[in-house]
Amino acid sequence: MALVLCQQCLSWVEPIAEQCPQCDYPIDLRTGDPTIEELAAAIGPLIAVLGPVRLSRATLPDRGQLYATGGGLFFVPQFAEQIRMVSADSSPRSRSTTRALLRAPLQLLRGGVALGAYRSPMRVEVSRHELPVLGPDDGHRLPLLLMDHPGAFFFGRRSIRTIRQTFAGWAVGRPNNLMLRIKPLGDRAAFNKQMSALANEIVEAVCR
């Protein structure tokens, strides 16, 4: 699966028919990624830590921390994988590294890693580490986290059509009716209070 960062909705996606499956925006693989400054302007300052959540997605990490920013919602996965090329002589390739290669972002594939290059003197090595919860002064890290970790995503206010509470948690809808379901894993009362405030702000903005 080759992932690219959609310049419209700022989500890591696997293009379908040269379009983003999240927002239907055309994707041109020849176009460079947004700059850190552009990402920072879109994401905005970090406002609050909403808490640990589980998302309704199958291929990318579904557990992590959800944050409220000036521009919308920002998800940081609980764990991050670092992929690098090392000498094939150090140890044999495992099934886990093969799966990681299939999940590698397009930038890695552009660098010359071929899925069928099993005779290459180099192999893929994957290390996994837990990402810490961000504090009030860590907002400047969000653009870098989005660029470095395809598991992270930003859900901008302009791309939110609906946001409503459900029995299990919350459902956030895009203009193309694609729905993201969020289940809080921590203090549900505090999470629901902050999400309700965000939902009211979005409704007010739409009605203006």
Protein backbone atom coordinates (compact mmCIF):
# COMPACT_ATOMS: atom_id res chain seq x y z
CA MET A 1 0.00 0.00 0.00
CA ALA A 2 1.59 3.28 -1.13
CA LEU A 3 0.45 6.22 0.99
CA VAL A 4 0.53 9.90 0.08
CA LEU A 5 -0.46 13.00 2.02
CA CYS A 6 -3.52 14.59 0.43
CA GLN A 7 -2.92 18.33 0.03
CA GLN A 8 -6.63 19.07 0.45
CA CYS A 9 -7.68 17.20 3.60
CA LEU A 10 -4.14 16.50 4.94
CA SER A 11 -4.82 12.80 5.45
CA TRP A 12 -2.46 9.94 4.58
CA VAL A 13 -4.34 7.92 1.99
CA GLU A 14 -3.93 5.32 -0.72
CA PRO A 15 -5.17 7.09 -3.88
CA ILE A 16 -8.04 5.50 -5.79
CA ALA A 17 -8.26 6.44 -9.48
CA GLU A 18 -5.90 9.37 -8.74
CA GLN A 19 -8.29 10.75 -6.15
CA CYS A 20 -8.25 10.99 -2.37
CA PRO A 21 -10.77 8.46 -0.96
CA GLN A 22 -11.33 10.75 2.03
CA CYS A 23 -12.28 14.00 0.28
CA ASP A 24 -12.38 13.11 -3.47
CA TYR A 25 -9.64 15.68 -4.21
CA PRO A 26 -7.49 14.90 -7.30
CA ILE A 27 -4.02 13.63 -6.36
CA ASP A 28 -1.03 14.28 -8.59
CA LEU A 29 1.96 12.18 -7.49
CA ARG A 30 4.27 14.74 -9.11
CA THR A 31 3.14 17.41 -6.65
CA GLY A 32 5.34 17.90 -3.60
CA ASP A 33 4.10 17.60 -0.02
CA PRO A 34 2.91 20.71 1.84
CA THR A 35 5.60 22.62 3.69
CA ILE A 36 5.86 22.56 7.48
CA GLU A 37 4.71 26.19 7.51
CA GLU A 38 1.63 25.36 5.44
CA LEU A 39 0.78 22.45 7.71
CA ALA A 40 1.23 24.58 10.84
CA ALA A 41 -1.10 27.25 9.45
CA ALA A 42 -3.80 24.68 8.61
CA ILE A 43 -3.54 22.73 11.89
CA GLY A 44 -3.40 25.77 14.15
CA PRO A 45 -2.35 25.84 17.80
CA LEU A 46 -2.91 22.91 20.14
CA ILE A 47 -5.95 23.74 22.27
CA ALA A 48 -6.64 20.61 24.34
CA VAL A 49 -5.91 16.93 24.80
CA LEU A 50 -9.25 15.19 24.27
CA GLY A 51 -7.89 11.83 25.40
CA PRO A 52 -7.18 8.28 24.22
CA VAL A 53 -9.46 6.96 21.48
CA ARG A 54 -10.02 4.12 19.05
CA LEU A 55 -10.93 4.92 15.46
CA SER A 56 -12.96 2.99 12.91
CA ARG A 57 -10.21 2.27 10.39
CA ALA A 58 -8.70 -1.04 9.39
CA THR A 59 -5.32 -0.50 7.72
CA LEU A 60 -3.68 2.32 9.69
CA PRO A 61 -3.23 2.50 13.49
CA ASP A 62 -6.60 2.85 15.21
CA ARG A 63 -5.52 3.62 18.80
CA GLY A 64 -3.94 6.82 20.01
CA GLN A 65 -4.51 10.31 21.39
CA LEU A 66 -6.99 12.81 19.96
CA TYR A 67 -6.29 16.53 20.23
CA ALA A 68 -8.34 19.65 19.55
CA THR A 69 -6.48 22.32 17.59
CA GLY A 70 -7.36 25.73 16.24
CA GLY A 71 -7.97 24.11 12.85
CA GLY A 72 -9.79 20.92 13.83
CA LEU A 73 -9.02 17.47 15.23
CA PHE A 74 -5.57 15.88 15.26
CA PHE A 75 -4.92 12.17 15.91
CA VAL A 76 -1.54 10.81 17.00
CA PRO A 77 -1.19 6.99 17.05
CA GLN A 78 -0.11 5.30 20.26
CA PHE A 79 2.84 3.64 18.55
CA ALA A 80 5.01 4.70 15.63
CA GLU A 81 7.09 2.53 13.32
CA GLN A 82 10.40 3.73 11.95
CA ILE A 83 11.40 2.08 8.66
CA ARG A 84 14.98 2.12 7.40
CA MET A 85 17.24 0.18 5.06
CA VAL A 86 20.05 -1.93 6.55
CA SER A 87 22.43 -4.56 5.27
CA ALA A 88 20.74 -7.85 4.44
CA ASP A 89 23.64 -9.73 6.03
CA SER A 90 22.70 -8.65 9.56
CA SER A 91 19.65 -10.93 9.83
CA PRO A 92 17.06 -12.60 7.58
CA ARG A 93 13.93 -10.74 6.60
CA SER A 94 10.98 -11.60 8.77
CA ARG A 95 7.29 -11.64 8.02
CA SER A 96 6.84 -8.51 10.12
CA THR A 97 9.31 -6.52 8.04
CA THR A 98 7.64 -7.73 4.85
CA ARG A 99 4.27 -6.50 6.13
CA ALA A 100 5.86 -3.20 7.08
CA LEU A 101 7.26 -2.78 3.59
CA LEU A 102 3.78 -3.27 2.15
CA ARG A 103 2.58 -0.49 4.46
CA ALA A 104 5.51 1.81 3.69
CA PRO A 105 4.63 5.33 2.51
CA LEU A 106 5.17 6.33 -1.09
CA GLN A 107 8.22 8.40 -0.15
CA LEU A 108 10.04 5.20 0.83
CA LEU A 109 9.00 3.47 -2.37
CA ARG A 110 10.18 6.49 -4.36
CA GLY A 111 13.57 6.02 -2.75
CA GLY A 112 14.12 2.82 -4.68
CA VAL A 113 12.64 0.05 -2.53
CA ALA A 114 11.00 -2.49 -4.83
CA LEU A 115 8.51 -4.95 -3.42
CA GLY A 116 10.03 -7.79 -5.41
CA ALA A 117 13.68 -6.99 -4.70
CA TYR A 118 14.29 -9.96 -2.41
CA ARG A 119 17.85 -10.39 -3.74
CA SER A 120 18.88 -6.89 -2.80
CA PRO A 121 21.89 -6.54 -0.45
CA MET A 122 19.67 -4.29 1.66
CA ARG A 123 16.61 -5.14 3.73
CA VAL A 124 13.92 -3.23 5.58
CA GLU A 125 14.24 -2.91 9.36
CA VAL A 126 11.32 -1.75 11.47
CA SER A 127 11.53 -0.35 15.00
CA ARG A 128 8.43 0.42 17.07
CA HIS A 129 8.16 2.94 19.89
CA GLU A 130 5.39 4.59 21.89
CA LEU A 131 4.64 8.25 21.20
CA PRO A 132 4.26 10.39 24.35
CA VAL A 133 1.15 12.43 25.07
CA LEU A 134 1.71 16.03 23.97
CA GLY A 135 1.54 18.89 26.43
CA PRO A 136 0.15 22.44 26.02
CA ASP A 137 3.49 23.72 24.65
CA ASP A 138 3.98 20.91 22.12
CA GLY A 139 1.75 22.26 19.38
CA HIS A 140 4.75 23.02 17.18
CA ARG A 141 5.38 19.26 16.94
CA LEU A 142 2.08 18.48 15.21
CA PRO A 143 3.18 19.30 11.62
CA LEU A 144 6.29 17.14 12.01
CA LEU A 145 4.26 14.28 13.49
CA LEU A 146 1.90 14.43 10.51
CA MET A 147 4.78 14.35 8.03
CA ASP A 148 6.77 11.63 9.80
CA HIS A 149 3.98 9.23 10.81
CA PRO A 150 1.34 8.15 8.25
CA GLY A 151 -0.70 6.84 11.17
CA ALA A 152 -1.34 10.42 12.27
CA PHE A 153 -4.09 12.48 10.65
CA PHE A 154 -5.64 15.91 10.76
CA PHE A 155 -9.40 16.45 10.40
CA GLY A 156 -9.85 20.12 9.49
CA ARG A 157 -12.96 22.03 10.51
CA ARG A 158 -13.63 22.92 6.87
CA SER A 159 -13.77 19.23 5.97
CA ILE A 160 -16.26 18.36 8.74
CA ARG A 161 -19.85 18.25 7.55
CA THR A 162 -21.45 16.68 10.63
CA ILE A 163 -20.35 15.73 14.12
CA ARG A 164 -22.72 13.88 16.44
CA GLN A 165 -22.68 11.72 19.51
CA THR A 166 -23.51 8.03 19.19
CA PHE A 167 -24.04 5.16 21.62
CA ALA A 168 -20.38 4.09 21.40
CA GLY A 169 -18.78 7.52 20.99
CA TRP A 170 -18.83 10.10 18.21
CA ALA A 171 -19.28 10.11 14.44
CA VAL A 172 -17.58 12.77 12.30
CA GLY A 173 -18.74 13.05 8.69
CA ARG A 174 -17.03 14.55 5.65
CA PRO A 175 -18.84 16.35 2.80
CA ASN A 176 -18.73 13.13 0.72
CA ASN A 177 -20.64 11.35 3.54
CA LEU A 178 -17.60 9.29 4.58
CA MET A 179 -17.91 8.74 8.33
CA LEU A 180 -15.16 8.45 10.94
CA ARG A 181 -16.28 6.83 14.19
CA ILE A 182 -14.42 7.73 17.38
CA LYS A 183 -14.66 5.72 20.61
CA PRO A 184 -13.20 7.38 23.73
CA LEU A 185 -11.08 5.07 25.87
CA GLY A 186 -10.56 7.38 28.84
CA ASP A 187 -12.79 9.78 30.78
CA ARG A 188 -15.95 9.68 28.66
CA ALA A 189 -17.66 12.57 30.47
CA ALA A 190 -14.75 14.96 29.91
CA PHE A 191 -14.32 13.78 26.33
CA ASN A 192 -18.01 14.19 25.52
CA LYS A 193 -18.08 17.68 27.03
CA GLN A 194 -15.22 18.89 24.83
CA MET A 195 -16.55 17.19 21.71
CA SER A 196 -19.99 18.73 22.31
CA ALA A 197 -18.40 22.18 22.47
CA LEU A 198 -16.57 21.51 19.20
CA ALA A 199 -19.76 20.26 17.56
CA ASN A 200 -21.61 23.43 18.59
CA GLU A 201 -18.83 25.62 17.16
CA ILE A 202 -18.97 23.79 13.84
CA VAL A 203 -22.79 24.07 13.65
CA GLU A 204 -22.58 27.80 14.35
CA ALA A 205 -19.92 28.25 11.69
CA VAL A 206 -22.03 26.40 9.09
CA CYS A 207 -25.12 28.46 9.88
CA ARG A 208 -23.32 31.80 9.37
